[in-house]
Amino acid sequence: MPDSSKTEELFLRIEDSIMALEKERETYERKRQELLRDEGKFVVIHGDEIAGVWDTWESALNAGYGQYGLNPFMVQRIEAVDTVLRPLRYTSCR
């Protein structure tokens, strides 16, 4: 039987991460107009802090881990209008 205290701790950590990313999303929306001068690049956001802008998602992600470790941060492509990716159809694996 799973340890309920560990399960509860995991859920609390997940909930904290989701709430933290909401703050990062709000920061992005608030700063979007400023960030658009670097449209097409990638921004790293931690809480209310803009850590910087990078040319590629990979370099932004590496910088985020380098600066924040396993603490929540967001890497976002800077766009005037967010791109929503959706699968056109589901395919089965054979």
C-alpha atoms as a PDB file:
ATOM      1  CA  MET A   1       0.000   0.000   0.000  1.00  0.00           C
ATOM      2  CA  PRO A   2       1.434   3.438  -0.951  1.00  0.00           C
ATOM      3  CA  ASP A   3       2.559   5.830   1.780  1.00  0.00           C
ATOM      4  CA  SER A   4      -0.228   8.438   1.928  1.00  0.00           C
ATOM      5  CA  SER A   5       2.033  11.143   3.384  1.00  0.00           C
ATOM      6  CA  LYS A   6       4.413  10.836   0.404  1.00  0.00           C
ATOM      7  CA  THR A   7       1.492  10.896  -2.028  1.00  0.00           C
ATOM      8  CA  GLU A   8       0.082  14.023  -0.361  1.00  0.00           C
ATOM      9  CA  GLU A   9       3.512  15.689  -0.463  1.00  0.00           C
ATOM     10  CA  LEU A  10       3.802  14.921  -4.192  1.00  0.00           C
ATOM     11  CA  PHE A  11       0.371  16.422  -4.901  1.00  0.00           C
ATOM     12  CA  LEU A  12       1.270  19.562  -2.940  1.00  0.00           C
ATOM     13  CA  ARG A  13       4.512  19.945  -4.921  1.00  0.00           C
ATOM     14  CA  ILE A  14       2.636  19.519  -8.218  1.00  0.00           C
ATOM     15  CA  GLU A  15       0.012  22.055  -7.112  1.00  0.00           C
ATOM     16  CA  ASP A  16       2.752  24.533  -6.131  1.00  0.00           C
ATOM     17  CA  SER A  17       4.402  24.104  -9.550  1.00  0.00           C
ATOM     18  CA  ILE A  18       1.131  24.701 -11.384  1.00  0.00           C
ATOM     19  CA  MET A  19       0.457  27.819  -9.312  1.00  0.00           C
ATOM     20  CA  ALA A  20       4.024  29.015  -9.911  1.00  0.00           C
ATOM     21  CA  LEU A  21       3.606  28.688 -13.671  1.00  0.00           C
ATOM     22  CA  GLU A  22       0.426  30.756 -13.460  1.00  0.00           C
ATOM     23  CA  LYS A  23       2.548  33.561 -12.030  1.00  0.00           C
ATOM     24  CA  GLU A  24       5.081  33.165 -14.862  1.00  0.00           C
ATOM     25  CA  ARG A  25       2.257  33.244 -17.409  1.00  0.00           C
ATOM     26  CA  GLU A  26       0.889  36.444 -15.856  1.00  0.00           C
ATOM     27  CA  THR A  27       4.379  37.973 -16.013  1.00  0.00           C
ATOM     28  CA  TYR A  28       4.663  37.043 -19.695  1.00  0.00           C
ATOM     29  CA  GLU A  29       1.284  38.603 -20.488  1.00  0.00           C
ATOM     30  CA  ARG A  30       2.161  41.759 -18.563  1.00  0.00           C
ATOM     31  CA  LYS A  31       5.559  42.106 -20.295  1.00  0.00           C
ATOM     32  CA  ARG A  32       4.548  40.838 -23.748  1.00  0.00           C
ATOM     33  CA  GLN A  33       4.625  44.231 -25.473  1.00  0.00           C
ATOM     34  CA  GLU A  34       8.188  44.874 -24.241  1.00  0.00           C
ATOM     35  CA  LEU A  35       9.262  41.362 -25.203  1.00  0.00           C
ATOM     36  CA  LEU A  36       7.920  41.661 -28.755  1.00  0.00           C
ATOM     37  CA  ARG A  37      11.106  43.500 -29.764  1.00  0.00           C
ATOM     38  CA  ASP A  38      12.617  39.973 -29.594  1.00  0.00           C
ATOM     39  CA  GLU A  39       9.695  38.240 -31.329  1.00  0.00           C
ATOM     40  CA  GLY A  40      10.505  34.682 -32.378  1.00  0.00           C
ATOM     41  CA  LYS A  41      13.083  34.189 -29.621  1.00  0.00           C
ATOM     42  CA  PHE A  42      12.571  32.463 -26.270  1.00  0.00           C
ATOM     43  CA  VAL A  43      12.231  34.085 -22.851  1.00  0.00           C
ATOM     44  CA  VAL A  44      12.909  32.480 -19.459  1.00  0.00           C
ATOM     45  CA  ILE A  45      10.613  33.668 -16.678  1.00  0.00           C
ATOM     46  CA  HIS A  46      10.804  32.837 -12.967  1.00  0.00           C
ATOM     47  CA  GLY A  47       8.012  34.377 -10.904  1.00  0.00           C
ATOM     48  CA  ASP A  48       7.993  38.092 -11.744  1.00  0.00           C
ATOM     49  CA  GLU A  49      11.544  37.985 -13.092  1.00  0.00           C
ATOM     50  CA  ILE A  50      12.537  37.974 -16.766  1.00  0.00           C
ATOM     51  CA  ALA A  51      15.814  36.030 -16.710  1.00  0.00           C
ATOM     52  CA  GLY A  52      16.697  36.739 -20.318  1.00  0.00           C
ATOM     53  CA  VAL A  53      16.008  36.041 -23.971  1.00  0.00           C
ATOM     54  CA  TRP A  54      17.687  33.355 -26.106  1.00  0.00           C
ATOM     55  CA  ASP A  55      17.634  32.442 -29.783  1.00  0.00           C
ATOM     56  CA  THR A  56      16.610  28.796 -29.269  1.00  0.00           C
ATOM     57  CA  TRP A  57      14.333  26.874 -26.946  1.00  0.00           C
ATOM     58  CA  GLU A  58      17.218  24.567 -26.004  1.00  0.00           C
ATOM     59  CA  SER A  59      19.536  27.405 -24.981  1.00  0.00           C
ATOM     60  CA  ALA A  60      16.737  29.072 -22.982  1.00  0.00           C
ATOM     61  CA  LEU A  61      15.926  25.786 -21.236  1.00  0.00           C
ATOM     62  CA  ASN A  62      19.583  25.152 -20.377  1.00  0.00           C
ATOM     63  CA  ALA A  63      19.921  28.694 -19.023  1.00  0.00           C
ATOM     64  CA  GLY A  64      16.775  28.236 -16.927  1.00  0.00           C
ATOM     65  CA  TYR A  65      18.057  25.008 -15.375  1.00  0.00           C
ATOM     66  CA  GLY A  66      21.458  26.611 -14.856  1.00  0.00           C
ATOM     67  CA  GLN A  67      19.963  29.557 -13.021  1.00  0.00           C
ATOM     68  CA  TYR A  68      16.976  27.998 -11.216  1.00  0.00           C
ATOM     69  CA  GLY A  69      17.790  24.306 -10.972  1.00  0.00           C
ATOM     70  CA  LEU A  70      14.632  22.315 -10.300  1.00  0.00           C
ATOM     71  CA  ASN A  71      12.660  25.361  -9.149  1.00  0.00           C
ATOM     72  CA  PRO A  72       9.754  26.264 -11.433  1.00  0.00           C
ATOM     73  CA  PHE A  73      10.449  28.494 -14.434  1.00  0.00           C
ATOM     74  CA  MET A  74       8.846  28.946 -17.812  1.00  0.00           C
ATOM     75  CA  VAL A  75      10.359  29.026 -21.297  1.00  0.00           C
ATOM     76  CA  GLN A  76       8.062  30.797 -23.743  1.00  0.00           C
ATOM     77  CA  ARG A  77       8.429  31.624 -27.423  1.00  0.00           C
ATOM     78  CA  ILE A  78       7.805  35.353 -27.812  1.00  0.00           C
ATOM     79  CA  GLU A  79       4.867  35.875 -30.173  1.00  0.00           C
ATOM     80  CA  ALA A  80       2.281  38.598 -30.704  1.00  0.00           C
ATOM     81  CA  VAL A  81      -0.383  35.867 -30.716  1.00  0.00           C
ATOM     82  CA  ASP A  82       0.234  32.535 -29.008  1.00  0.00           C
ATOM     83  CA  THR A  83       0.402  29.482 -31.240  1.00  0.00           C
ATOM     84  CA  VAL A  84      -1.793  26.638 -30.045  1.00  0.00           C
ATOM     85  CA  LEU A  85      -0.624  23.240 -31.206  1.00  0.00           C
ATOM     86  CA  ARG A  86      -3.262  20.555 -31.624  1.00  0.00           C
ATOM     87  CA  PRO A  87      -2.989  17.150 -33.223  1.00  0.00           C
ATOM     88  CA  LEU A  88      -4.942  16.936 -36.464  1.00  0.00           C
ATOM     89  CA  ARG A  89      -5.866  13.366 -35.686  1.00  0.00           C
ATOM     90  CA  TYR A  90      -4.808  10.577 -33.440  1.00  0.00           C
ATOM     91  CA  THR A  91      -2.948   7.688 -34.987  1.00  0.00           C
ATOM     92  CA  SER A  92      -2.443   4.298 -33.510  1.00  0.00           C
ATOM     93  CA  CYS A  93       0.923   2.670 -33.054  1.00  0.00           C
ATOM     94  CA  ARG A  94       1.375  -0.585 -34.912  1.00  0.00           C
END
